[in-house]
Amino acid sequence: IKQLLHIKSFIGTSENAVMIQIWTALITILVLKYLKALAQYGWRLSNLVAFIRLNMFVKIHLQKWLDKPFDEPPEPVQKYIQGVLF
């Protein structure tokens, strides 16, 4: 289980803690494999995981990024124009 789900060590010692960690790893693997199947780009699972880790908190359109990960992102549209004080 630890090798298949890439769990290096169990955080908790109770049965409930171990089961939560196993289920979380299973759900994560299933979501990543689903994203890989949706993408038009030929992702390898390890590369997809690494790129998602790098872009975890970047606000992007996920499907467009999965299909064309190396294209330049569009410039964000500024809603408000803030004046310069000095």
Protein backbone atom coordinates (compact mmCIF):
# COMPACT_ATOMS: atom_id res chain seq x y z
CA ILE A 1 0.00 0.00 0.00
CA LYS A 2 2.75 2.45 0.87
CA GLN A 3 4.53 1.90 -2.45
CA LEU A 4 1.44 1.99 -4.67
CA LEU A 5 -0.08 5.09 -3.07
CA HIS A 6 3.27 6.86 -2.51
CA ILE A 7 2.76 7.12 1.23
CA LYS A 8 6.18 7.41 2.84
CA SER A 9 4.98 7.04 6.40
CA PHE A 10 1.72 7.09 8.26
CA ILE A 11 1.11 10.27 10.20
CA GLY A 12 -1.32 8.85 12.76
CA THR A 13 -1.21 5.61 14.68
CA SER A 14 -4.90 4.90 15.15
CA GLU A 15 -6.86 2.81 12.69
CA ASN A 16 -9.00 5.81 11.73
CA ALA A 17 -5.96 8.01 11.01
CA VAL A 18 -4.38 5.36 8.80
CA MET A 19 -7.64 4.76 6.91
CA ILE A 20 -8.12 8.50 6.31
CA GLN A 21 -4.60 8.78 4.93
CA ILE A 22 -5.09 5.76 2.64
CA TRP A 23 -8.44 7.06 1.32
CA THR A 24 -6.97 10.52 0.75
CA ALA A 25 -4.10 9.02 -1.25
CA LEU A 26 -6.53 6.89 -3.29
CA ILE A 27 -8.73 9.87 -4.12
CA THR A 28 -5.69 11.95 -5.07
CA ILE A 29 -4.38 9.28 -7.44
CA LEU A 30 -7.82 8.88 -9.04
CA VAL A 31 -8.21 12.64 -9.58
CA LEU A 32 -4.72 12.90 -11.09
CA LYS A 33 -5.35 9.98 -13.44
CA TYR A 34 -8.66 11.55 -14.47
CA LEU A 35 -6.92 14.86 -15.22
CA LYS A 36 -4.29 12.99 -17.20
CA ALA A 37 -7.00 11.26 -19.25
CA LEU A 38 -8.76 14.59 -19.94
CA ALA A 39 -5.65 16.39 -21.14
CA GLN A 40 -4.75 16.58 -24.81
CA TYR A 41 -1.07 16.93 -23.94
CA GLY A 42 0.73 13.63 -23.36
CA TRP A 43 1.42 13.99 -19.64
CA ARG A 44 3.32 11.46 -17.61
CA LEU A 45 1.79 11.11 -14.18
CA SER A 46 4.96 12.11 -12.34
CA ASN A 47 5.35 15.24 -14.50
CA LEU A 48 1.71 16.16 -14.01
CA VAL A 49 2.09 15.86 -10.24
CA ALA A 50 5.23 18.01 -10.27
CA PHE A 51 3.65 20.73 -12.43
CA ILE A 52 0.48 20.78 -10.33
CA ARG A 53 2.58 21.18 -7.19
CA LEU A 54 4.35 24.15 -8.77
CA ASN A 55 1.11 25.78 -9.93
CA MET A 56 -1.06 24.87 -6.97
CA PHE A 57 -1.91 28.43 -5.98
CA VAL A 58 -1.83 30.02 -9.44
CA LYS A 59 -5.21 31.12 -10.75
CA ILE A 60 -5.42 29.52 -14.21
CA HIS A 61 -8.00 27.77 -16.35
CA LEU A 62 -7.12 24.15 -15.57
CA GLN A 63 -8.38 22.51 -18.77
CA LYS A 64 -6.56 25.00 -21.02
CA TRP A 65 -3.39 24.59 -19.00
CA LEU A 66 -3.59 20.78 -19.13
CA ASP A 67 -4.00 20.86 -22.92
CA LYS A 68 -1.28 23.45 -23.63
CA PRO A 69 0.96 23.75 -20.54
CA PHE A 70 3.82 25.62 -22.22
CA ASP A 71 1.84 28.40 -23.90
CA GLU A 72 2.11 31.92 -22.54
CA PRO A 73 -0.73 32.72 -20.14
CA PRO A 74 -3.01 35.59 -21.14
CA GLU A 75 -2.48 38.95 -19.51
CA PRO A 76 -4.84 39.48 -16.57
CA VAL A 77 -7.46 42.16 -17.10
CA GLN A 78 -7.25 44.85 -14.45
CA LYS A 79 -10.64 45.80 -13.09
CA TYR A 80 -9.41 48.79 -11.14
CA ILE A 81 -6.74 51.31 -12.01
CA GLN A 82 -4.94 52.54 -8.93
CA GLY A 83 -3.34 55.96 -9.07
CA VAL A 84 0.28 56.61 -8.22
CA LEU A 85 0.79 58.55 -5.00
CA PHE A 86 4.22 59.96 -5.75
